[in-house]
Amino acid sequence: SNLASLTPEEVTTEAVFDAAAEGDIIARRIVNTWHEHVCSGLATLAHTLDPDCFLISGGMSKFVDYDLIHELLVDRTLPRVGEKLSVRPASLGITAGLIGAGQLVLDELLAGVS
């Protein structure tokens, strides 16, 4: 589907990524820009924290092109930082935030019991 033919109500993350996958030029630019913004944040964190890996979770995890993010990170970070860094989906995927929130509630409830 062509992104330009959608009404504003029909433009969703899924619609943009679907249109990009079908070759829509505008959608591809949006997706590439989105990946560059995600990478910019990760590059800042990589230089600050020097992690070995970033795990992407929640709804965002199903849209990330992990190979593109790694390529952008290598390009936008110091050599020692970007080359060793991996970016992967979290094993809990899109439910990670919900599970984490539930665990916090459980922890608070159990803390009040003891």
N, C-alpha and C. Protein backbone atom coordinates (compact mmCIF):
# COMPACT_ATOMS: atom_id res chain seq x y z
N SER A 1 0.84 -1.19 0.00
CA SER A 1 0.00 0.00 0.00
C SER A 1 0.88 1.25 0.00
N ASN A 2 0.40 2.26 -0.63
CA ASN A 2 1.12 3.51 -0.72
C ASN A 2 0.80 4.36 0.50
N LEU A 3 1.81 4.79 1.20
CA LEU A 3 1.63 5.56 2.44
C LEU A 3 0.84 6.84 2.20
N ALA A 4 1.07 7.48 1.07
CA ALA A 4 0.39 8.75 0.77
C ALA A 4 -1.11 8.57 0.59
N SER A 5 -1.57 7.37 0.30
CA SER A 5 -3.00 7.14 0.09
C SER A 5 -3.76 6.89 1.39
N LEU A 6 -3.06 6.78 2.50
CA LEU A 6 -3.70 6.51 3.79
C LEU A 6 -4.23 7.79 4.42
N THR A 7 -5.32 7.67 5.16
CA THR A 7 -5.82 8.81 5.95
C THR A 7 -4.95 8.93 7.20
N PRO A 8 -4.95 10.09 7.84
CA PRO A 8 -4.14 10.24 9.05
C PRO A 8 -4.44 9.18 10.11
N GLU A 9 -5.69 8.76 10.21
CA GLU A 9 -6.05 7.74 11.20
C GLU A 9 -5.47 6.38 10.85
N GLU A 10 -5.20 6.15 9.57
CA GLU A 10 -4.67 4.86 9.13
C GLU A 10 -3.15 4.78 9.21
N VAL A 11 -2.50 5.91 9.43
CA VAL A 11 -1.03 5.91 9.49
C VAL A 11 -0.61 5.47 10.89
N THR A 12 -0.14 4.24 10.95
CA THR A 12 0.35 3.65 12.20
C THR A 12 1.79 3.20 11.97
N THR A 13 2.43 2.80 13.03
CA THR A 13 3.79 2.28 12.90
C THR A 13 3.80 1.09 11.95
N GLU A 14 2.84 0.19 12.14
CA GLU A 14 2.76 -0.99 11.28
C GLU A 14 2.57 -0.60 9.81
N ALA A 15 1.70 0.39 9.58
CA ALA A 15 1.44 0.83 8.20
C ALA A 15 2.69 1.40 7.55
N VAL A 16 3.44 2.19 8.30
CA VAL A 16 4.67 2.79 7.76
C VAL A 16 5.69 1.70 7.43
N PHE A 17 5.89 0.77 8.35
CA PHE A 17 6.87 -0.29 8.11
C PHE A 17 6.42 -1.23 7.00
N ASP A 18 5.12 -1.50 6.91
CA ASP A 18 4.61 -2.32 5.81
C ASP A 18 4.83 -1.63 4.47
N ALA A 19 4.53 -0.33 4.41
CA ALA A 19 4.73 0.43 3.17
C ALA A 19 6.20 0.47 2.79
N ALA A 20 7.08 0.61 3.77
CA ALA A 20 8.53 0.60 3.49
C ALA A 20 8.95 -0.75 2.92
N ALA A 21 8.42 -1.83 3.49
CA ALA A 21 8.76 -3.17 3.01
C ALA A 21 8.26 -3.39 1.58
N GLU A 22 7.19 -2.69 1.22
CA GLU A 22 6.64 -2.80 -0.13
C GLU A 22 7.30 -1.83 -1.11
N GLY A 23 8.27 -1.05 -0.62
CA GLY A 23 9.04 -0.19 -1.51
C GLY A 23 8.62 1.26 -1.56
N ASP A 24 7.68 1.68 -0.72
CA ASP A 24 7.25 3.08 -0.69
C ASP A 24 8.43 3.96 -0.29
N ILE A 25 8.80 4.90 -1.13
CA ILE A 25 9.99 5.73 -0.91
C ILE A 25 9.85 6.60 0.34
N ILE A 26 8.70 7.21 0.53
CA ILE A 26 8.50 8.07 1.70
C ILE A 26 8.58 7.22 2.98
N ALA A 27 7.93 6.08 2.97
CA ALA A 27 7.98 5.21 4.14
C ALA A 27 9.40 4.73 4.42
N ARG A 28 10.15 4.43 3.37
CA ARG A 28 11.55 4.01 3.56
C ARG A 28 12.37 5.11 4.22
N ARG A 29 12.15 6.35 3.79
CA ARG A 29 12.88 7.46 4.41
C ARG A 29 12.50 7.62 5.87
N ILE A 30 11.22 7.46 6.17
CA ILE A 30 10.76 7.55 7.56
C ILE A 30 11.44 6.46 8.41
N VAL A 31 11.43 5.24 7.90
CA VAL A 31 12.02 4.11 8.62
C VAL A 31 13.53 4.32 8.81
N ASN A 32 14.22 4.77 7.76
CA ASN A 32 15.66 5.02 7.89
C ASN A 32 15.95 6.13 8.89
N THR A 33 15.16 7.20 8.85
CA THR A 33 15.33 8.30 9.81
C THR A 33 15.08 7.81 11.22
N TRP A 34 14.05 6.99 11.39
CA TRP A 34 13.74 6.43 12.71
C TRP A 34 14.92 5.61 13.23
N HIS A 35 15.50 4.77 12.38
CA HIS A 35 16.65 3.98 12.79
C HIS A 35 17.84 4.87 13.15
N GLU A 36 18.03 5.96 12.42
CA GLU A 36 19.12 6.88 12.73
C GLU A 36 18.91 7.53 14.09
N HIS A 37 17.68 7.87 14.42
CA HIS A 37 17.39 8.47 15.73
C HIS A 37 17.60 7.46 16.86
N VAL A 38 17.14 6.24 16.65
CA VAL A 38 17.36 5.18 17.65
C VAL A 38 18.86 4.98 17.85
N CYS A 39 19.58 4.93 16.74
CA CYS A 39 21.03 4.73 16.80
C CYS A 39 21.73 5.89 17.51
N SER A 40 21.25 7.09 17.28
CA SER A 40 21.85 8.25 17.94
C SER A 40 21.77 8.12 19.46
N GLY A 41 20.61 7.71 19.95
CA GLY A 41 20.46 7.50 21.38
C GLY A 41 21.34 6.37 21.89
N LEU A 42 21.38 5.28 21.14
CA LEU A 42 22.21 4.14 21.54
C LEU A 42 23.70 4.50 21.52
N ALA A 43 24.11 5.30 20.53
CA ALA A 43 25.52 5.71 20.46
C ALA A 43 25.90 6.55 21.67
N THR A 44 25.01 7.44 22.08
CA THR A 44 25.27 8.26 23.26
C THR A 44 25.41 7.38 24.49
N LEU A 45 24.48 6.43 24.64
CA LEU A 45 24.55 5.50 25.77
C LEU A 45 25.81 4.64 25.70
N ALA A 46 26.18 4.21 24.50
CA ALA A 46 27.37 3.37 24.34
C ALA A 46 28.62 4.10 24.78
N HIS A 47 28.74 5.38 24.44
CA HIS A 47 29.92 6.14 24.85
C HIS A 47 29.91 6.44 26.34
N THR A 48 28.73 6.56 26.91
CA THR A 48 28.62 6.88 28.34
C THR A 48 28.81 5.65 29.21
N LEU A 49 28.17 4.55 28.83
CA LEU A 49 28.15 3.36 29.68
C LEU A 49 29.12 2.25 29.26
N ASP A 50 29.56 2.26 28.02
CA ASP A 50 30.45 1.24 27.46
C ASP A 50 29.93 -0.18 27.68
N PRO A 51 28.68 -0.45 27.25
CA PRO A 51 28.13 -1.81 27.43
C PRO A 51 28.63 -2.77 26.36
N ASP A 52 28.41 -4.03 26.56
CA ASP A 52 28.73 -5.04 25.53
C ASP A 52 27.54 -5.28 24.62
N CYS A 53 26.33 -5.00 25.15
CA CYS A 53 25.12 -5.33 24.40
C CYS A 53 23.97 -4.41 24.80
N PHE A 54 23.13 -4.10 23.84
CA PHE A 54 21.86 -3.44 24.10
C PHE A 54 20.77 -4.45 23.77
N LEU A 55 19.79 -4.58 24.67
CA LEU A 55 18.63 -5.42 24.41
C LEU A 55 17.45 -4.51 24.16
N ILE A 56 16.80 -4.70 23.04
CA ILE A 56 15.65 -3.90 22.66
C ILE A 56 14.40 -4.69 23.01
N SER A 57 13.49 -4.06 23.75
CA SER A 57 12.29 -4.76 24.16
C SER A 57 11.05 -3.92 23.88
N GLY A 58 9.92 -4.46 24.21
CA GLY A 58 8.67 -3.77 24.00
C GLY A 58 8.26 -3.77 22.54
N GLY A 59 7.25 -2.98 22.23
CA GLY A 59 6.71 -2.92 20.88
C GLY A 59 7.73 -2.53 19.83
N MET A 60 8.71 -1.75 20.23
CA MET A 60 9.75 -1.31 19.31
C MET A 60 10.57 -2.48 18.76
N SER A 61 10.69 -3.53 19.55
CA SER A 61 11.59 -4.63 19.18
C SER A 61 11.20 -5.32 17.88
N LYS A 62 9.92 -5.29 17.54
CA LYS A 62 9.53 -5.99 16.32
C LYS A 62 9.77 -5.16 15.05
N PHE A 63 10.15 -3.90 15.20
CA PHE A 63 10.37 -3.04 14.04
C PHE A 63 11.85 -2.77 13.75
N VAL A 64 12.71 -3.06 14.70
CA VAL A 64 14.13 -2.72 14.55
C VAL A 64 14.81 -3.64 13.53
N ASP A 65 15.55 -3.04 12.63
CA ASP A 65 16.45 -3.78 11.74
C ASP A 65 17.78 -3.83 12.47
N TYR A 66 18.05 -4.94 13.13
CA TYR A 66 19.21 -5.05 14.01
C TYR A 66 20.54 -4.95 13.25
N ASP A 67 20.57 -5.45 12.04
CA ASP A 67 21.79 -5.32 11.23
C ASP A 67 22.06 -3.86 10.89
N LEU A 68 21.01 -3.12 10.52
CA LEU A 68 21.17 -1.70 10.20
C LEU A 68 21.60 -0.92 11.43
N ILE A 69 20.99 -1.20 12.58
CA ILE A 69 21.38 -0.51 13.81
C ILE A 69 22.84 -0.76 14.13
N HIS A 70 23.30 -2.00 13.99
CA HIS A 70 24.71 -2.29 14.28
C HIS A 70 25.62 -1.55 13.30
N GLU A 71 25.26 -1.55 12.03
CA GLU A 71 26.05 -0.83 11.03
C GLU A 71 26.13 0.66 11.35
N LEU A 72 25.01 1.24 11.73
CA LEU A 72 24.98 2.66 12.09
C LEU A 72 25.80 2.93 13.34
N LEU A 73 25.72 2.03 14.32
CA LEU A 73 26.49 2.19 15.55
C LEU A 73 27.99 2.14 15.29
N VAL A 74 28.43 1.22 14.47
CA VAL A 74 29.85 1.13 14.13
C VAL A 74 30.29 2.42 13.47
N ASP A 75 29.44 2.98 12.63
CA ASP A 75 29.75 4.22 11.91
C ASP A 75 29.76 5.44 12.82
N ARG A 76 28.95 5.43 13.89
CA ARG A 76 28.75 6.63 14.72
C ARG A 76 29.42 6.58 16.09
N THR A 77 30.20 5.53 16.35
CA THR A 77 30.87 5.44 17.64
C THR A 77 32.37 5.26 17.45
N LEU A 78 33.09 5.44 18.54
CA LEU A 78 34.53 5.19 18.50
C LEU A 78 34.77 3.72 18.17
N PRO A 79 35.84 3.41 17.47
CA PRO A 79 36.07 2.03 17.02
C PRO A 79 35.96 0.97 18.12
N ARG A 80 36.58 1.20 19.24
CA ARG A 80 36.53 0.21 20.32
C ARG A 80 35.11 0.00 20.83
N VAL A 81 34.30 1.03 20.77
CA VAL A 81 32.96 0.96 21.32
C VAL A 81 32.00 0.25 20.37
N GLY A 82 31.91 0.72 19.15
CA GLY A 82 30.91 0.22 18.20
C GLY A 82 31.15 -1.18 17.69
N GLU A 83 32.40 -1.54 17.49
CA GLU A 83 32.71 -2.84 16.91
C GLU A 83 32.37 -4.00 17.83
N LYS A 84 32.54 -3.81 19.13
CA LYS A 84 32.28 -4.89 20.08
C LYS A 84 30.83 -4.95 20.53
N LEU A 85 30.07 -3.93 20.22
CA LEU A 85 28.70 -3.80 20.71
C LEU A 85 27.73 -4.62 19.88
N SER A 86 26.86 -5.35 20.55
CA SER A 86 25.81 -6.05 19.83
C SER A 86 24.46 -5.47 20.26
N VAL A 87 23.51 -5.54 19.36
CA VAL A 87 22.14 -5.08 19.62
C VAL A 87 21.23 -6.24 19.25
N ARG A 88 20.45 -6.68 20.24
CA ARG A 88 19.60 -7.85 20.04
C ARG A 88 18.21 -7.61 20.63
N PRO A 89 17.24 -8.37 20.16
CA PRO A 89 15.92 -8.28 20.80
C PRO A 89 15.95 -8.98 22.16
N ALA A 90 15.25 -8.42 23.12
CA ALA A 90 15.15 -9.05 24.43
C ALA A 90 14.34 -10.34 24.30
N SER A 91 14.67 -11.31 25.10
CA SER A 91 14.01 -12.61 24.98
C SER A 91 12.51 -12.52 25.29
N LEU A 92 12.10 -11.54 26.08
CA LEU A 92 10.68 -11.37 26.40
C LEU A 92 9.93 -10.56 25.35
N GLY A 93 10.67 -10.01 24.38
CA GLY A 93 10.04 -9.30 23.27
C GLY A 93 9.12 -8.16 23.68
N ILE A 94 7.93 -8.12 23.07
CA ILE A 94 7.04 -6.99 23.29
C ILE A 94 6.38 -7.01 24.67
N THR A 95 6.49 -8.11 25.39
CA THR A 95 5.86 -8.18 26.71
C THR A 95 6.80 -7.78 27.84
N ALA A 96 8.04 -7.44 27.52
CA ALA A 96 9.04 -7.16 28.56
C ALA A 96 8.61 -6.04 29.51
N GLY A 97 8.09 -4.97 28.99
CA GLY A 97 7.67 -3.85 29.84
C GLY A 97 6.53 -4.23 30.76
N LEU A 98 5.58 -4.97 30.24
CA LEU A 98 4.44 -5.42 31.03
C LEU A 98 4.90 -6.36 32.14
N ILE A 99 5.79 -7.28 31.81
CA ILE A 99 6.30 -8.21 32.82
C ILE A 99 7.09 -7.46 33.88
N GLY A 100 7.91 -6.49 33.46
CA GLY A 100 8.67 -5.68 34.41
C GLY A 100 7.77 -4.88 35.34
N ALA A 101 6.71 -4.29 34.78
CA ALA A 101 5.77 -3.53 35.62
C ALA A 101 5.07 -4.44 36.60
N GLY A 102 4.69 -5.62 36.15
CA GLY A 102 4.05 -6.59 37.04
C GLY A 102 4.97 -7.02 38.16
N GLN A 103 6.25 -7.19 37.84
CA GLN A 103 7.23 -7.57 38.86
C GLN A 103 7.39 -6.48 39.90
N LEU A 104 7.38 -5.21 39.46
CA LEU A 104 7.49 -4.10 40.43
C LEU A 104 6.30 -4.09 41.39
N VAL A 105 5.11 -4.32 40.87
CA VAL A 105 3.93 -4.37 41.72
C VAL A 105 4.05 -5.53 42.70
N LEU A 106 4.45 -6.68 42.22
CA LEU A 106 4.62 -7.84 43.07
C LEU A 106 5.66 -7.58 44.17
N ASP A 107 6.76 -6.97 43.79
CA ASP A 107 7.81 -6.64 44.77
C ASP A 107 7.26 -5.73 45.87
N GLU A 108 6.50 -4.72 45.47
CA GLU A 108 5.92 -3.78 46.44
C GLU A 108 4.94 -4.47 47.36
N LEU A 109 4.11 -5.34 46.79
CA LEU A 109 3.15 -6.07 47.60
C LEU A 109 3.83 -6.99 48.61
N LEU A 110 4.86 -7.68 48.15
CA LEU A 110 5.60 -8.60 49.02
C LEU A 110 6.41 -7.85 50.06
N ALA A 111 6.88 -6.66 49.73
CA ALA A 111 7.66 -5.85 50.70
C ALA A 111 6.75 -5.41 51.85
N GLY A 112 5.49 -5.18 51.56
CA GLY A 112 4.55 -4.76 52.60
C GLY A 112 4.15 -5.90 53.51
N VAL A 113 4.32 -7.13 53.08
CA VAL A 113 3.94 -8.32 53.85
C VAL A 113 4.97 -8.61 54.94
N SER A 114 6.25 -8.40 54.65
CA SER A 114 7.28 -8.77 55.62
C SER A 114 7.59 -7.72 56.61
